[in-house]
Each structure stands twice: as C-alpha cells, then as structure tokens.
PDB file of all heavy atoms in Angstrom:
ATOM      1  N   SER A   1       4.746  33.287-144.560  1.00  0.00           N
ATOM      2  CA  SER A   1       4.703  32.098-143.692  1.00  0.00           C
ATOM      3  C   SER A   1       4.127  32.494-142.373  1.00  0.00           C
ATOM      4  O   SER A   1       4.361  33.497-141.813  1.00  0.00           O
ATOM      5  CB  SER A   1       6.129  31.513-143.485  1.00  0.00           C
ATOM      6  OG  SER A   1       6.119  30.536-142.532  1.00  0.00           O
ATOM      7  N   MET A   2       3.328  31.551-141.784  1.00  0.00           N
ATOM      8  CA  MET A   2       2.666  31.793-140.567  1.00  0.00           C
ATOM      9  C   MET A   2       3.297  31.085-139.380  1.00  0.00           C
ATOM     10  O   MET A   2       2.757  31.001-138.325  1.00  0.00           O
ATOM     11  CB  MET A   2       1.173  31.430-140.671  1.00  0.00           C
ATOM     12  CG  MET A   2       0.388  32.190-141.682  1.00  0.00           C
ATOM     13  SD  MET A   2       0.320  33.954-141.294  1.00  0.00           S
ATOM     14  CE  MET A   2      -0.527  34.608-142.748  1.00  0.00           C
ATOM     15  N   VAL A   3       4.496  30.495-139.590  1.00  0.00           N
ATOM     16  CA  VAL A   3       5.101  29.805-138.499  1.00  0.00           C
ATOM     17  C   VAL A   3       5.488  30.740-137.389  1.00  0.00           C
ATOM     18  O   VAL A   3       5.331  30.476-136.222  1.00  0.00           O
ATOM     19  CB  VAL A   3       6.356  29.029-139.013  1.00  0.00           C
ATOM     20  CG1 VAL A   3       7.110  28.406-137.831  1.00  0.00           C
ATOM     21  CG2 VAL A   3       6.009  28.017-140.011  1.00  0.00           C
ATOM     22  N   GLY A   4       5.948  31.937-137.761  1.00  0.00           N
ATOM     23  CA  GLY A   4       6.207  32.952-136.761  1.00  0.00           C
ATOM     24  C   GLY A   4       5.127  33.977-136.753  1.00  0.00           C
ATOM     25  O   GLY A   4       4.001  33.739-137.157  1.00  0.00           O
ATOM     26  N   THR A   5       5.420  35.205-136.378  1.00  0.00           N
ATOM     27  CA  THR A   5       4.447  36.268-136.367  1.00  0.00           C
ATOM     28  C   THR A   5       4.378  36.854-137.755  1.00  0.00           C
ATOM     29  O   THR A   5       5.404  37.252-138.349  1.00  0.00           O
ATOM     30  CB  THR A   5       4.821  37.369-135.336  1.00  0.00           C
ATOM     31  OG1 THR A   5       4.916  36.780-134.053  1.00  0.00           O
ATOM     32  CG2 THR A   5       3.811  38.477-135.378  1.00  0.00           C
ATOM     33  N   ALA A   6       3.216  36.980-138.360  1.00  0.00           N
ATOM     34  CA  ALA A   6       3.033  37.466-139.687  1.00  0.00           C
ATOM     35  C   ALA A   6       2.401  38.846-139.675  1.00  0.00           C
ATOM     36  O   ALA A   6       1.789  39.295-138.737  1.00  0.00           O
ATOM     37  CB  ALA A   6       2.171  36.522-140.466  1.00  0.00           C
ATOM     38  N   VAL A   7       2.602  39.551-140.777  1.00  0.00           N
ATOM     39  CA  VAL A   7       2.000  40.882-140.886  1.00  0.00           C
ATOM     40  C   VAL A   7       0.563  40.722-141.276  1.00  0.00           C
ATOM     41  O   VAL A   7       0.252  39.942-142.209  1.00  0.00           O
ATOM     42  CB  VAL A   7       2.777  41.660-142.012  1.00  0.00           C
ATOM     43  CG1 VAL A   7       2.132  43.029-142.206  1.00  0.00           C
ATOM     44  CG2 VAL A   7       4.249  41.838-141.654  1.00  0.00           C
ATOM     45  N   PRO A   8      -0.359  41.414-140.636  1.00  0.00           N
ATOM     46  CA  PRO A   8      -1.779  41.251-140.965  1.00  0.00           C
ATOM     47  C   PRO A   8      -2.001  41.603-142.424  1.00  0.00           C
ATOM     48  O   PRO A   8      -1.413  42.579-142.934  1.00  0.00           O
ATOM     49  CB  PRO A   8      -2.464  42.247-140.010  1.00  0.00           C
ATOM     50  CG  PRO A   8      -1.463  42.446-138.883  1.00  0.00           C
ATOM     51  CD  PRO A   8      -0.126  42.281-139.469  1.00  0.00           C
ATOM     52  N   GLN A   9      -2.932  40.896-143.038  1.00  0.00           N
ATOM     53  CA  GLN A   9      -3.236  41.139-144.440  1.00  0.00           C
ATOM     54  C   GLN A   9      -4.629  41.733-144.545  1.00  0.00           C
ATOM     55  O   GLN A   9      -5.596  41.198-144.012  1.00  0.00           O
ATOM     56  CB  GLN A   9      -3.207  39.801-145.223  1.00  0.00           C
ATOM     57  CG  GLN A   9      -1.868  39.120-145.169  1.00  0.00           C
ATOM     58  CD  GLN A   9      -1.915  37.802-145.897  1.00  0.00           C
ATOM     59  OE1 GLN A   9      -2.468  37.733-146.944  1.00  0.00           O
ATOM     60  NE2 GLN A   9      -1.307  36.781-145.312  1.00  0.00           N
ATOM     61  N   ALA A  10      -4.708  42.866-145.187  1.00  0.00           N
ATOM     62  CA  ALA A  10      -6.017  43.485-145.400  1.00  0.00           C
ATOM     63  C   ALA A  10      -6.849  42.693-146.404  1.00  0.00           C
ATOM     64  O   ALA A  10      -6.291  42.037-147.270  1.00  0.00           O
ATOM     65  CB  ALA A  10      -5.849  44.911-145.915  1.00  0.00           C
ATOM     66  N   ASP A  11      -8.144  42.813-146.263  1.00  0.00           N
ATOM     67  CA  ASP A  11      -9.055  42.116-147.163  1.00  0.00           C
ATOM     68  C   ASP A  11      -9.228  42.932-148.413  1.00  0.00           C
ATOM     69  O   ASP A  11     -10.163  43.679-148.575  1.00  0.00           O
ATOM     70  CB  ASP A  11     -10.396  41.888-146.504  1.00  0.00           C
ATOM     71  CG  ASP A  11     -11.294  40.936-147.289  1.00  0.00           C
ATOM     72  OD1 ASP A  11     -10.804  40.480-148.339  1.00  0.00           O
ATOM     73  OD2 ASP A  11     -12.342  40.578-146.811  1.00  0.00           O
ATOM     74  N   THR A  12      -8.287  42.796-149.366  1.00  0.00           N
ATOM     75  CA  THR A  12      -8.300  43.638-150.570  1.00  0.00           C
ATOM     76  C   THR A  12      -8.785  42.895-151.756  1.00  0.00           C
ATOM     77  O   THR A  12      -8.774  43.448-152.873  1.00  0.00           O
ATOM     78  CB  THR A  12      -6.849  44.143-150.871  1.00  0.00           C
ATOM     79  OG1 THR A  12      -5.963  43.016-150.990  1.00  0.00           O
ATOM     80  CG2 THR A  12      -6.326  45.018-149.721  1.00  0.00           C
ATOM     81  N   ARG A  13      -9.197  41.687-151.612  1.00  0.00           N
ATOM     82  CA  ARG A  13      -9.603  40.876-152.782  1.00  0.00           C
ATOM     83  C   ARG A  13     -10.927  41.466-153.358  1.00  0.00           C
ATOM     84  O   ARG A  13     -11.671  42.143-152.680  1.00  0.00           O
ATOM     85  CB  ARG A  13      -9.834  39.396-152.420  1.00  0.00           C
ATOM     86  CG  ARG A  13     -10.923  39.178-151.422  1.00  0.00           C
ATOM     87  CD  ARG A  13     -10.949  37.678-151.034  1.00  0.00           C
ATOM     88  NE  ARG A  13      -9.718  37.325-150.391  1.00  0.00           N
ATOM     89  CZ  ARG A  13      -9.359  36.110-150.148  1.00  0.00           C
ATOM     90  NH1 ARG A  13     -10.166  35.060-150.484  1.00  0.00           N
ATOM     91  NH2 ARG A  13      -8.222  35.802-149.602  1.00  0.00           N
ATOM     92  N   ASP A  14     -11.118  41.216-154.644  1.00  0.00           N
ATOM     93  CA  ASP A  14     -12.295  41.723-155.308  1.00  0.00           C
ATOM     94  C   ASP A  14     -13.554  41.081-154.780  1.00  0.00           C
ATOM     95  O   ASP A  14     -13.525  39.987-154.175  1.00  0.00           O
ATOM     96  CB  ASP A  14     -12.212  41.446-156.818  1.00  0.00           C
ATOM     97  CG  ASP A  14     -11.080  42.180-157.474  1.00  0.00           C
ATOM     98  OD1 ASP A  14     -10.732  43.289-156.989  1.00  0.00           O
ATOM     99  OD2 ASP A  14     -10.528  41.659-158.478  1.00  0.00           O
ATOM    100  N   PRO A  15     -14.675  41.794-154.859  1.00  0.00           N
ATOM    101  CA  PRO A  15     -15.956  41.177-154.433  1.00  0.00           C
ATOM    102  C   PRO A  15     -16.177  39.883-155.204  1.00  0.00           C
ATOM    103  O   PRO A  15     -15.703  39.728-156.337  1.00  0.00           O
ATOM    104  CB  PRO A  15     -16.994  42.233-154.808  1.00  0.00           C
ATOM    105  CG  PRO A  15     -16.262  43.516-154.904  1.00  0.00           C
ATOM    106  CD  PRO A  15     -14.888  43.153-155.372  1.00  0.00           C
ATOM    107  N   LEU A  16     -16.936  39.020-154.615  1.00  0.00           N
ATOM    108  CA  LEU A  16     -17.231  37.710-155.207  1.00  0.00           C
ATOM    109  C   LEU A  16     -17.951  37.957-156.539  1.00  0.00           C
ATOM    110  O   LEU A  16     -18.955  38.686-156.572  1.00  0.00           O
ATOM    111  CB  LEU A  16     -18.110  36.861-154.277  1.00  0.00           C
ATOM    112  CG  LEU A  16     -18.121  35.349-154.500  1.00  0.00           C
ATOM    113  CD1 LEU A  16     -16.762  34.777-154.302  1.00  0.00           C
ATOM    114  CD2 LEU A  16     -19.099  34.709-153.581  1.00  0.00           C
ATOM    115  N   PRO A  17     -17.519  37.365-157.624  1.00  0.00           N
ATOM    116  CA  PRO A  17     -18.137  37.551-158.909  1.00  0.00           C
ATOM    117  C   PRO A  17     -19.630  37.101-158.893  1.00  0.00           C
ATOM    118  O   PRO A  17     -19.987  36.208-158.183  1.00  0.00           O
ATOM    119  CB  PRO A  17     -17.341  36.586-159.854  1.00  0.00           C
ATOM    120  CG  PRO A  17     -16.040  36.377-159.195  1.00  0.00           C
ATOM    121  CD  PRO A  17     -16.346  36.471-157.716  1.00  0.00           C
ATOM    122  N   PRO A  18     -20.498  37.822-159.602  1.00  0.00           N
ATOM    123  CA  PRO A  18     -21.892  37.474-159.632  1.00  0.00           C
ATOM    124  C   PRO A  18     -22.191  36.053-159.947  1.00  0.00           C
ATOM    125  O   PRO A  18     -23.050  35.428-159.401  1.00  0.00           O
ATOM    126  CB  PRO A  18     -22.490  38.474-160.657  1.00  0.00           C
ATOM    127  CG  PRO A  18     -21.525  39.631-160.675  1.00  0.00           C
ATOM    128  CD  PRO A  18     -20.218  39.053-160.431  1.00  0.00           C
ATOM    129  N   PHE A  19     -21.354  35.500-160.905  1.00  0.00           N
ATOM    130  CA  PHE A  19     -21.617  34.104-161.302  1.00  0.00           C
ATOM    131  C   PHE A  19     -21.368  33.169-160.106  1.00  0.00           C
ATOM    132  O   PHE A  19     -22.094  32.192-159.913  1.00  0.00           O
ATOM    133  CB  PHE A  19     -20.696  33.726-162.450  1.00  0.00           C
ATOM    134  CG  PHE A  19     -20.828  32.303-162.884  1.00  0.00           C
ATOM    135  CD1 PHE A  19     -21.886  31.856-163.656  1.00  0.00           C
ATOM    136  CD2 PHE A  19     -19.892  31.320-162.457  1.00  0.00           C
ATOM    137  CE1 PHE A  19     -22.007  30.517-164.028  1.00  0.00           C
ATOM    138  CE2 PHE A  19     -20.007  29.978-162.813  1.00  0.00           C
ATOM    139  CZ  PHE A  19     -21.061  29.600-163.629  1.00  0.00           C
ATOM    140  N   ALA A  20     -20.271  33.493-159.351  1.00  0.00           N
ATOM    141  CA  ALA A  20     -20.019  32.658-158.199  1.00  0.00           C
ATOM    142  C   ALA A  20     -21.110  32.744-157.146  1.00  0.00           C
ATOM    143  O   ALA A  20     -21.562  31.786-156.546  1.00  0.00           O
ATOM    144  CB  ALA A  20     -18.647  33.020-157.555  1.00  0.00           C
ATOM    145  N   LEU A  21     -21.568  34.012-156.914  1.00  0.00           N
ATOM    146  CA  LEU A  21     -22.643  34.196-155.977  1.00  0.00           C
ATOM    147  C   LEU A  21     -23.877  33.375-156.423  1.00  0.00           C
ATOM    148  O   LEU A  21     -24.515  32.727-155.629  1.00  0.00           O
ATOM    149  CB  LEU A  21     -22.997  35.658-155.849  1.00  0.00           C
ATOM    150  CG  LEU A  21     -22.089  36.540-154.946  1.00  0.00           C
ATOM    151  CD1 LEU A  21     -22.388  37.994-155.067  1.00  0.00           C
ATOM    152  CD2 LEU A  21     -22.273  36.104-153.508  1.00  0.00           C
ATOM    153  N   ALA A  22     -24.186  33.543-157.703  1.00  0.00           N
ATOM    154  CA  ALA A  22     -25.404  32.833-158.250  1.00  0.00           C
ATOM    155  C   ALA A  22     -25.218  31.354-158.136  1.00  0.00           C
ATOM    156  O   ALA A  22     -26.119  30.602-157.820  1.00  0.00           O
ATOM    157  CB  ALA A  22     -25.628  33.298-159.683  1.00  0.00           C
ATOM    158  N   GLY A  23     -24.005  30.881-158.434  1.00  0.00           N
ATOM    159  CA  GLY A  23     -23.738  29.432-158.444  1.00  0.00           C
ATOM    160  C   GLY A  23     -23.855  28.820-157.082  1.00  0.00           C
ATOM    161  O   GLY A  23     -24.575  27.847-156.841  1.00  0.00           O
ATOM    162  N   VAL A  24     -23.177  29.447-156.066  1.00  0.00           N
ATOM    163  CA  VAL A  24     -23.241  28.936-154.721  1.00  0.00           C
ATOM    164  C   VAL A  24     -24.657  29.094-154.158  1.00  0.00           C
ATOM    165  O   VAL A  24     -25.190  28.221-153.507  1.00  0.00           O
ATOM    166  CB  VAL A  24     -22.229  29.670-153.850  1.00  0.00           C
ATOM    167  CG1 VAL A  24     -22.445  29.312-152.361  1.00  0.00           C
ATOM    168  CG2 VAL A  24     -20.806  29.349-154.239  1.00  0.00           C
ATOM    169  N   GLY A  25     -25.268  30.236-154.495  1.00  0.00           N
ATOM    170  CA  GLY A  25     -26.635  30.473-154.066  1.00  0.00           C
ATOM    171  C   GLY A  25     -27.647  29.472-154.597  1.00  0.00           C
ATOM    172  O   GLY A  25     -28.526  28.968-153.938  1.00  0.00           O
ATOM    173  N   ALA A  26     -27.430  29.083-155.865  1.00  0.00           N
ATOM    174  CA  ALA A  26     -28.282  28.075-156.508  1.00  0.00           C
ATOM    175  C   ALA A  26     -28.113  26.737-155.789  1.00  0.00           C
ATOM    176  O   ALA A  26     -29.136  26.001-155.573  1.00  0.00           O
ATOM    177  CB  ALA A  26     -27.945  27.929-157.962  1.00  0.00           C
ATOM    178  N   ILE A  27     -26.922  26.360-155.447  1.00  0.00           N
ATOM    179  CA  ILE A  27     -26.672  25.095-154.713  1.00  0.00           C
ATOM    180  C   ILE A  27     -27.404  25.151-153.392  1.00  0.00           C
ATOM    181  O   ILE A  27     -28.063  24.167-152.958  1.00  0.00           O
ATOM    182  CB  ILE A  27     -25.177  24.848-154.524  1.00  0.00           C
ATOM    183  CG1 ILE A  27     -24.514  24.623-155.907  1.00  0.00           C
ATOM    184  CG2 ILE A  27     -24.940  23.654-153.611  1.00  0.00           C
ATOM    185  CD1 ILE A  27     -22.980  24.644-155.878  1.00  0.00           C
ATOM    186  N   ALA A  28     -27.261  26.281-152.653  1.00  0.00           N
ATOM    187  CA  ALA A  28     -27.939  26.423-151.376  1.00  0.00           C
ATOM    188  C   ALA A  28     -29.474  26.351-151.531  1.00  0.00           C
ATOM    189  O   ALA A  28     -30.145  25.746-150.689  1.00  0.00           O
ATOM    190  CB  ALA A  28     -27.534  27.735-150.728  1.00  0.00           C
ATOM    191  N   VAL A  29     -29.999  26.968-152.590  1.00  0.00           N
ATOM    192  CA  VAL A  29     -31.438  26.920-152.823  1.00  0.00           C
ATOM    193  C   VAL A  29     -31.915  25.508-153.072  1.00  0.00           C
ATOM    194  O   VAL A  29     -32.899  25.039-152.520  1.00  0.00           O
ATOM    195  CB  VAL A  29     -31.827  27.836-154.025  1.00  0.00           C
ATOM    196  CG1 VAL A  29     -33.254  27.568-154.439  1.00  0.00           C
ATOM    197  CG2 VAL A  29     -31.675  29.297-153.596  1.00  0.00           C
ATOM    198  N   VAL A  30     -31.137  24.771-153.872  1.00  0.00           N
ATOM    199  CA  VAL A  30     -31.489  23.358-154.168  1.00  0.00           C
ATOM    200  C   VAL A  30     -31.491  22.564-152.842  1.00  0.00           C
ATOM    201  O   VAL A  30     -32.389  21.733-152.592  1.00  0.00           O
ATOM    202  CB  VAL A  30     -30.584  22.752-155.212  1.00  0.00           C
ATOM    203  CG1 VAL A  30     -30.783  21.251-155.317  1.00  0.00           C
ATOM    204  CG2 VAL A  30     -30.774  23.404-156.544  1.00  0.00           C
ATOM    205  N   ALA A  31     -30.434  22.788-152.062  1.00  0.00           N
ATOM    206  CA  ALA A  31     -30.350  22.098-150.745  1.00  0.00           C
ATOM    207  C   ALA A  31     -31.571  22.462-149.879  1.00  0.00           C
ATOM    208  O   ALA A  31     -32.120  21.559-149.216  1.00  0.00           O
ATOM    209  CB  ALA A  31     -29.030  22.461-150.079  1.00  0.00           C
ATOM    210  N   ALA A  32     -31.900  23.737-149.837  1.00  0.00           N
ATOM    211  CA  ALA A  32     -33.046  24.173-149.048  1.00  0.00           C
ATOM    212  C   ALA A  32     -34.329  23.519-149.503  1.00  0.00           C
ATOM    213  O   ALA A  32     -35.122  23.071-148.680  1.00  0.00           O
ATOM    214  CB  ALA A  32     -33.159  25.714-149.092  1.00  0.00           C
ATOM    215  N   VAL A  33     -34.536  23.478-150.792  1.00  0.00           N
ATOM    216  CA  VAL A  33     -35.755  22.833-151.347  1.00  0.00           C
ATOM    217  C   VAL A  33     -35.789  21.382-150.951  1.00  0.00           C
ATOM    218  O   VAL A  33     -36.815  20.843-150.548  1.00  0.00           O
ATOM    219  CB  VAL A  33     -35.848  23.032-152.864  1.00  0.00           C
ATOM    220  CG1 VAL A  33     -36.936  22.183-153.458  1.00  0.00           C
ATOM    221  CG2 VAL A  33     -36.029  24.516-153.218  1.00  0.00           C
ATOM    222  N   ALA A  34     -34.675  20.706-151.086  1.00  0.00           N
ATOM    223  CA  ALA A  34     -34.597  19.255-150.773  1.00  0.00           C
ATOM    224  C   ALA A  34     -34.901  19.012-149.287  1.00  0.00           C
ATOM    225  O   ALA A  34     -35.658  18.132-148.947  1.00  0.00           O
ATOM    226  CB  ALA A  34     -33.216  18.718-151.085  1.00  0.00           C
ATOM    227  N   LEU A  35     -34.419  19.906-148.412  1.00  0.00           N
ATOM    228  CA  LEU A  35     -34.727  19.803-146.994  1.00  0.00           C
ATOM    229  C   LEU A  35     -36.191  20.106-146.669  1.00  0.00           C
ATOM    230  O   LEU A  35     -36.862  19.317-145.989  1.00  0.00           O
ATOM    231  CB  LEU A  35     -33.781  20.715-146.174  1.00  0.00           C
ATOM    232  CG  LEU A  35     -32.312  20.358-146.180  1.00  0.00           C
ATOM    233  CD1 LEU A  35     -31.532  21.444-145.482  1.00  0.00           C
ATOM    234  CD2 LEU A  35     -32.070  19.027-145.429  1.00  0.00           C
ATOM    235  N   LEU A  36     -36.662  21.221-147.208  1.00  0.00           N
ATOM    236  CA  LEU A  36     -38.054  21.606-146.900  1.00  0.00           C
ATOM    237  C   LEU A  36     -39.049  20.578-147.441  1.00  0.00           C
ATOM    238  O   LEU A  36     -40.069  20.351-146.820  1.00  0.00           O
ATOM    239  CB  LEU A  36     -38.340  22.969-147.542  1.00  0.00           C
ATOM    240  CG  LEU A  36     -37.588  24.152-146.893  1.00  0.00           C
ATOM    241  CD1 LEU A  36     -37.825  25.414-147.674  1.00  0.00           C
ATOM    242  CD2 LEU A  36     -38.038  24.335-145.450  1.00  0.00           C
TER     243      LEU A  36
END
C-alpha cells in the first residue's frame, strides 16, 4: 500500500516480450504513416 511510506521496488520484471514490442511498434508505425 502506498498510503504511507512504502519500500522502494526494484525493476525486476522481465524484458518486454518481442511480440509486445512488435505489436506496439506496429501500432506506432501505422499512426506515423497516417500522420505523415
């Protein structure tokens, strides 16, 4: 709980899966193409 003072949490999560990177990247590319 963050209502009081909390213990800092290290960033131990796994790297973003390649599929997620590709998926979000693809959305960004489509957005960029639409804008350009």
